[in-house]
Amino acid sequence: MQDKNQPFQLDEEFVEMLTEAQQKIHGFILKRLVDHHQTNEVLQLTNIVLCRKANDFQIGTNFMAWALTVANFQILSFRKNQSRERLIFSDRTFDQIIEEDGKRPDDTSFRLSHLNECLKKIDKENFKLLKARYERRLSFKEIANVSHKTSNAIRIQMHRIRNQLMICIEKRMKEELS
């Protein structure tokens, strides 16, 4: 096992394959997370794991399949870690997105259309709360101080908004599949 303080020792062939795969790995992650910041974070984590496990890869086998498998595990790990705070699709919806992935053109705007339509249905107060939390990246405590509510009340309200969005998105996806 490689010491974390030691620099990675990668051969040229591995670096070339990893470099050539970046765009496809990025697209694979983006389709599943939709958010560009999260995608970049997971891509970095994926690249770190790929480099650390470079010696496990057998030259001559399918690099892309191996790299996408690692990326998928990083996505699942990221989703698990983020599930308490972020808008995360249910496992069923996430599985539907993955299943439909092969049937749809590579069009991020199409995938975001369901979320955008559902966001239009959110009332102004809740939309402001979403913007404060996700665009301005304010903590629950900071939002609570500005809105003169408790942090717990903001947490509960955010949970309700995320559930409302999730139900709307799942309904739109189900209608589209019918």
C-alpha atoms as a PDB file:
ATOM      1  CA  MET A   1       0.000   0.000   0.000  1.00  0.00           C
ATOM      2  CA  GLN A   2       1.281   3.428  -0.897  1.00  0.00           C
ATOM      3  CA  ASP A   3       2.082   5.926   1.845  1.00  0.00           C
ATOM      4  CA  LYS A   4      -0.206   8.994   1.579  1.00  0.00           C
ATOM      5  CA  ASN A   5       2.820  11.261   2.086  1.00  0.00           C
ATOM      6  CA  GLN A   6       4.637   9.715  -0.866  1.00  0.00           C
ATOM      7  CA  PRO A   7       3.950  11.226  -4.306  1.00  0.00           C
ATOM      8  CA  PHE A   8       2.028   9.064  -6.760  1.00  0.00           C
ATOM      9  CA  GLN A   9       4.229   7.165  -9.161  1.00  0.00           C
ATOM     10  CA  LEU A  10       2.225   6.796 -12.328  1.00  0.00           C
ATOM     11  CA  ASP A  11       3.477   5.508 -15.644  1.00  0.00           C
ATOM     12  CA  GLU A  12       2.929   7.487 -18.845  1.00  0.00           C
ATOM     13  CA  GLU A  13       0.357   5.093 -20.280  1.00  0.00           C
ATOM     14  CA  PHE A  14      -1.836   5.386 -17.180  1.00  0.00           C
ATOM     15  CA  VAL A  15      -1.591   9.193 -17.197  1.00  0.00           C
ATOM     16  CA  GLU A  16      -2.538   9.288 -20.895  1.00  0.00           C
ATOM     17  CA  MET A  17      -5.574   7.064 -20.322  1.00  0.00           C
ATOM     18  CA  LEU A  18      -6.654   9.118 -17.309  1.00  0.00           C
ATOM     19  CA  THR A  19      -6.225  12.390 -19.207  1.00  0.00           C
ATOM     20  CA  GLU A  20      -8.172  11.126 -22.217  1.00  0.00           C
ATOM     21  CA  ALA A  21     -10.956   9.878 -19.943  1.00  0.00           C
ATOM     22  CA  GLN A  22     -11.518  13.153 -18.056  1.00  0.00           C
ATOM     23  CA  GLN A  23     -14.264  14.526 -20.279  1.00  0.00           C
ATOM     24  CA  LYS A  24     -16.234  11.269 -20.277  1.00  0.00           C
ATOM     25  CA  ILE A  25     -15.831  10.798 -16.500  1.00  0.00           C
ATOM     26  CA  HIS A  26     -16.930  14.415 -15.970  1.00  0.00           C
ATOM     27  CA  GLY A  27     -20.025  13.874 -18.142  1.00  0.00           C
ATOM     28  CA  PHE A  28     -20.832  10.614 -16.349  1.00  0.00           C
ATOM     29  CA  ILE A  29     -20.725  12.359 -12.963  1.00  0.00           C
ATOM     30  CA  LEU A  30     -22.571  15.466 -14.172  1.00  0.00           C
ATOM     31  CA  LYS A  31     -25.481  13.372 -15.474  1.00  0.00           C
ATOM     32  CA  ARG A  32     -25.922  11.913 -12.025  1.00  0.00           C
ATOM     33  CA  LEU A  33     -25.350  14.966  -9.836  1.00  0.00           C
ATOM     34  CA  VAL A  34     -26.428  17.794 -12.215  1.00  0.00           C
ATOM     35  CA  ASP A  35     -24.649  20.446 -10.099  1.00  0.00           C
ATOM     36  CA  HIS A  36     -21.343  21.600 -11.633  1.00  0.00           C
ATOM     37  CA  HIS A  37     -19.661  22.335  -8.290  1.00  0.00           C
ATOM     38  CA  GLN A  38     -20.563  18.919  -6.908  1.00  0.00           C
ATOM     39  CA  THR A  39     -19.471  17.297 -10.171  1.00  0.00           C
ATOM     40  CA  ASN A  40     -16.063  18.938 -10.005  1.00  0.00           C
ATOM     41  CA  GLU A  41     -15.659  17.877  -6.385  1.00  0.00           C
ATOM     42  CA  VAL A  42     -16.550  14.260  -7.158  1.00  0.00           C
ATOM     43  CA  LEU A  43     -14.325  14.296 -10.243  1.00  0.00           C
ATOM     44  CA  GLN A  44     -11.378  15.372  -8.091  1.00  0.00           C
ATOM     45  CA  LEU A  45     -12.126  12.652  -5.548  1.00  0.00           C
ATOM     46  CA  THR A  46     -12.436  10.114  -8.355  1.00  0.00           C
ATOM     47  CA  ASN A  47      -9.093  11.147  -9.833  1.00  0.00           C
ATOM     48  CA  ILE A  48      -7.415  10.815  -6.440  1.00  0.00           C
ATOM     49  CA  VAL A  49      -8.783   7.294  -6.008  1.00  0.00           C
ATOM     50  CA  LEU A  50      -7.822   6.348  -9.568  1.00  0.00           C
ATOM     51  CA  CYS A  51      -4.256   7.541  -8.985  1.00  0.00           C
ATOM     52  CA  ARG A  52      -4.009   5.792  -5.631  1.00  0.00           C
ATOM     53  CA  LYS A  53      -5.277   2.573  -7.188  1.00  0.00           C
ATOM     54  CA  ALA A  54      -3.262   2.882 -10.398  1.00  0.00           C
ATOM     55  CA  ASN A  55      -1.290  -0.250  -9.528  1.00  0.00           C
ATOM     56  CA  ASP A  56      -4.564  -2.204  -9.309  1.00  0.00           C
ATOM     57  CA  PHE A  57      -5.407  -1.440 -12.945  1.00  0.00           C
ATOM     58  CA  GLN A  58      -4.354  -4.083 -15.446  1.00  0.00           C
ATOM     59  CA  ILE A  59      -2.978  -2.456 -18.597  1.00  0.00           C
ATOM     60  CA  GLY A  60      -4.834  -3.897 -21.587  1.00  0.00           C
ATOM     61  CA  THR A  61      -8.210  -4.116 -19.825  1.00  0.00           C
ATOM     62  CA  ASN A  62     -11.021  -1.585 -20.217  1.00  0.00           C
ATOM     63  CA  PHE A  63      -9.762   1.552 -18.474  1.00  0.00           C
ATOM     64  CA  MET A  64     -12.980   3.496 -19.033  1.00  0.00           C
ATOM     65  CA  ALA A  65     -15.153   0.802 -17.442  1.00  0.00           C
ATOM     66  CA  TRP A  66     -12.826   0.688 -14.439  1.00  0.00           C
ATOM     67  CA  ALA A  67     -12.696   4.493 -14.119  1.00  0.00           C
ATOM     68  CA  LEU A  68     -16.502   4.847 -14.375  1.00  0.00           C
ATOM     69  CA  THR A  69     -16.960   2.157 -11.726  1.00  0.00           C
ATOM     70  CA  VAL A  70     -14.689   4.136  -9.393  1.00  0.00           C
ATOM     71  CA  ALA A  71     -16.597   7.322 -10.284  1.00  0.00           C
ATOM     72  CA  ASN A  72     -19.914   5.625  -9.517  1.00  0.00           C
ATOM     73  CA  PHE A  73     -18.683   4.599  -6.056  1.00  0.00           C
ATOM     74  CA  GLN A  74     -17.508   8.171  -5.460  1.00  0.00           C
ATOM     75  CA  ILE A  75     -20.937   9.491  -6.508  1.00  0.00           C
ATOM     76  CA  LEU A  76     -22.689   7.109  -4.113  1.00  0.00           C
ATOM     77  CA  SER A  77     -20.332   8.090  -1.299  1.00  0.00           C
ATOM     78  CA  PHE A  78     -20.829  11.791  -2.045  1.00  0.00           C
ATOM     79  CA  ARG A  79     -24.629  11.416  -2.138  1.00  0.00           C
ATOM     80  CA  LYS A  80     -24.566   9.607   1.189  1.00  0.00           C
ATOM     81  CA  ASN A  81     -22.456  12.346   2.782  1.00  0.00           C
ATOM     82  CA  GLN A  82     -24.600  15.156   1.343  1.00  0.00           C
ATOM     83  CA  SER A  83     -28.024  13.618   1.940  1.00  0.00           C
ATOM     84  CA  ARG A  84     -28.647  15.454   5.191  1.00  0.00           C
ATOM     85  CA  GLU A  85     -28.323  18.949   3.768  1.00  0.00           C
ATOM     86  CA  ARG A  86     -28.714  18.918   0.013  1.00  0.00           C
ATOM     87  CA  LEU A  87     -31.542  18.275  -2.360  1.00  0.00           C
ATOM     88  CA  ILE A  88     -30.957  14.613  -3.105  1.00  0.00           C
ATOM     89  CA  PHE A  89     -33.171  12.449  -5.263  1.00  0.00           C
ATOM     90  CA  SER A  90     -34.578   9.323  -3.678  1.00  0.00           C
ATOM     91  CA  ASP A  91     -32.777   6.109  -4.576  1.00  0.00           C
ATOM     92  CA  ARG A  92     -35.714   5.179  -6.810  1.00  0.00           C
ATOM     93  CA  THR A  93     -35.509   8.465  -8.731  1.00  0.00           C
ATOM     94  CA  PHE A  94     -31.723   8.215  -8.938  1.00  0.00           C
ATOM     95  CA  ASP A  95     -32.039   4.687 -10.365  1.00  0.00           C
ATOM     96  CA  GLN A  96     -34.582   5.975 -12.912  1.00  0.00           C
ATOM     97  CA  ILE A  97     -32.190   8.715 -14.003  1.00  0.00           C
ATOM     98  CA  ILE A  98     -29.422   6.157 -14.475  1.00  0.00           C
ATOM     99  CA  GLU A  99     -31.767   3.816 -16.364  1.00  0.00           C
ATOM    100  CA  GLU A 100     -32.937   6.611 -18.638  1.00  0.00           C
ATOM    101  CA  ASP A 101     -29.375   7.821 -19.144  1.00  0.00           C
ATOM    102  CA  GLY A 102     -28.783   5.424 -22.005  1.00  0.00           C
ATOM    103  CA  LYS A 103     -32.065   6.338 -23.686  1.00  0.00           C
ATOM    104  CA  ARG A 104     -31.630  10.125 -23.730  1.00  0.00           C
ATOM    105  CA  PRO A 105     -29.268  12.398 -25.612  1.00  0.00           C
ATOM    106  CA  ASP A 106     -26.439  13.905 -23.585  1.00  0.00           C
ATOM    107  CA  ASP A 107     -28.314  17.102 -22.738  1.00  0.00           C
ATOM    108  CA  THR A 108     -27.936  18.546 -19.258  1.00  0.00           C
ATOM    109  CA  SER A 109     -30.551  21.235 -19.910  1.00  0.00           C
ATOM    110  CA  PHE A 110     -33.122  18.489 -20.523  1.00  0.00           C
ATOM    111  CA  ARG A 111     -32.324  16.906 -17.156  1.00  0.00           C
ATOM    112  CA  LEU A 112     -32.570  20.244 -15.398  1.00  0.00           C
ATOM    113  CA  SER A 113     -35.910  21.080 -16.974  1.00  0.00           C
ATOM    114  CA  HIS A 114     -37.851  19.012 -14.418  1.00  0.00           C
ATOM    115  CA  LEU A 115     -36.138  20.749 -11.527  1.00  0.00           C
ATOM    116  CA  ASN A 116     -36.595  24.186 -13.118  1.00  0.00           C
ATOM    117  CA  GLU A 117     -40.297  23.592 -13.698  1.00  0.00           C
ATOM    118  CA  CYS A 118     -40.742  22.413 -10.121  1.00  0.00           C
ATOM    119  CA  LEU A 119     -38.843  25.420  -8.774  1.00  0.00           C
ATOM    120  CA  LYS A 120     -41.349  27.692 -10.557  1.00  0.00           C
ATOM    121  CA  LYS A 121     -44.076  26.196  -8.366  1.00  0.00           C
ATOM    122  CA  ILE A 122     -42.327  27.124  -5.104  1.00  0.00           C
ATOM    123  CA  ASP A 123     -43.769  30.173  -3.328  1.00  0.00           C
ATOM    124  CA  LYS A 124     -41.621  33.320  -3.025  1.00  0.00           C
ATOM    125  CA  GLU A 125     -40.689  32.856   0.642  1.00  0.00           C
ATOM    126  CA  ASN A 126     -39.533  29.299   0.115  1.00  0.00           C
ATOM    127  CA  PHE A 127     -37.692  30.248  -3.071  1.00  0.00           C
ATOM    128  CA  LYS A 128     -35.822  32.968  -1.156  1.00  0.00           C
ATOM    129  CA  LEU A 129     -34.916  30.369   1.459  1.00  0.00           C
ATOM    130  CA  LEU A 130     -33.569  28.014  -1.230  1.00  0.00           C
ATOM    131  CA  LYS A 131     -31.510  30.824  -2.752  1.00  0.00           C
ATOM    132  CA  ALA A 132     -30.084  31.788   0.632  1.00  0.00           C
ATOM    133  CA  ARG A 133     -29.124  28.201   1.380  1.00  0.00           C
ATOM    134  CA  TYR A 134     -27.840  27.018  -2.006  1.00  0.00           C
ATOM    135  CA  GLU A 135     -26.790  30.134  -3.927  1.00  0.00           C
ATOM    136  CA  ARG A 136     -25.487  32.241  -1.069  1.00  0.00           C
ATOM    137  CA  ARG A 137     -24.482  29.111   0.882  1.00  0.00           C
ATOM    138  CA  LEU A 138     -25.741  30.472   4.202  1.00  0.00           C
ATOM    139  CA  SER A 139     -25.948  28.115   7.155  1.00  0.00           C
ATOM    140  CA  PHE A 140     -29.267  27.350   8.847  1.00  0.00           C
ATOM    141  CA  LYS A 141     -28.151  29.514  11.754  1.00  0.00           C
ATOM    142  CA  GLU A 142     -27.376  32.489   9.482  1.00  0.00           C
ATOM    143  CA  ILE A 143     -30.735  32.162   7.741  1.00  0.00           C
ATOM    144  CA  ALA A 144     -32.490  31.848  11.106  1.00  0.00           C
ATOM    145  CA  ASN A 145     -30.875  35.072  12.371  1.00  0.00           C
ATOM    146  CA  VAL A 146     -32.012  37.037   9.304  1.00  0.00           C
ATOM    147  CA  SER A 147     -35.526  35.577   9.250  1.00  0.00           C
ATOM    148  CA  HIS A 148     -36.039  35.771  13.038  1.00  0.00           C
ATOM    149  CA  LYS A 149     -36.799  32.070  13.250  1.00  0.00           C
ATOM    150  CA  THR A 150     -35.006  29.265  15.027  1.00  0.00           C
ATOM    151  CA  SER A 151     -32.387  27.222  13.250  1.00  0.00           C
ATOM    152  CA  ASN A 152     -34.540  24.136  13.789  1.00  0.00           C
ATOM    153  CA  ALA A 153     -37.552  25.845  12.184  1.00  0.00           C
ATOM    154  CA  ILE A 154     -35.430  26.677   9.115  1.00  0.00           C
ATOM    155  CA  ARG A 155     -34.188  23.090   8.979  1.00  0.00           C
ATOM    156  CA  ILE A 156     -37.760  21.754   9.056  1.00  0.00           C
ATOM    157  CA  GLN A 157     -38.905  24.252   6.417  1.00  0.00           C
ATOM    158  CA  MET A 158     -35.981  23.273   4.136  1.00  0.00           C
ATOM    159  CA  HIS A 159     -36.838  19.603   4.605  1.00  0.00           C
ATOM    160  CA  ARG A 160     -40.426  20.293   3.532  1.00  0.00           C
ATOM    161  CA  ILE A 161     -39.301  22.290   0.486  1.00  0.00           C
ATOM    162  CA  ARG A 162     -36.895  19.537  -0.605  1.00  0.00           C
ATOM    163  CA  ASN A 163     -39.645  16.929  -0.202  1.00  0.00           C
ATOM    164  CA  GLN A 164     -42.022  19.089  -2.224  1.00  0.00           C
ATOM    165  CA  LEU A 165     -39.415  19.389  -5.001  1.00  0.00           C
ATOM    166  CA  MET A 166     -38.642  15.688  -4.908  1.00  0.00           C
ATOM    167  CA  ILE A 167     -42.324  14.753  -5.226  1.00  0.00           C
ATOM    168  CA  CYS A 168     -42.762  17.211  -8.107  1.00  0.00           C
ATOM    169  CA  ILE A 169     -39.692  15.915  -9.959  1.00  0.00           C
ATOM    170  CA  GLU A 170     -40.666  12.275  -9.462  1.00  0.00           C
ATOM    171  CA  LYS A 171     -44.196  13.017 -10.695  1.00  0.00           C
ATOM    172  CA  ARG A 172     -42.876  14.780 -13.825  1.00  0.00           C
ATOM    173  CA  MET A 173     -40.456  11.957 -14.541  1.00  0.00           C
ATOM    174  CA  LYS A 174     -43.175   9.343 -14.078  1.00  0.00           C
ATOM    175  CA  GLU A 175     -45.519  11.248 -16.398  1.00  0.00           C
ATOM    176  CA  GLU A 176     -42.776  11.477 -19.001  1.00  0.00           C
ATOM    177  CA  LEU A 177     -42.082   7.751 -18.825  1.00  0.00           C
ATOM    178  CA  SER A 178     -45.782   6.911 -19.248  1.00  0.00           C
END
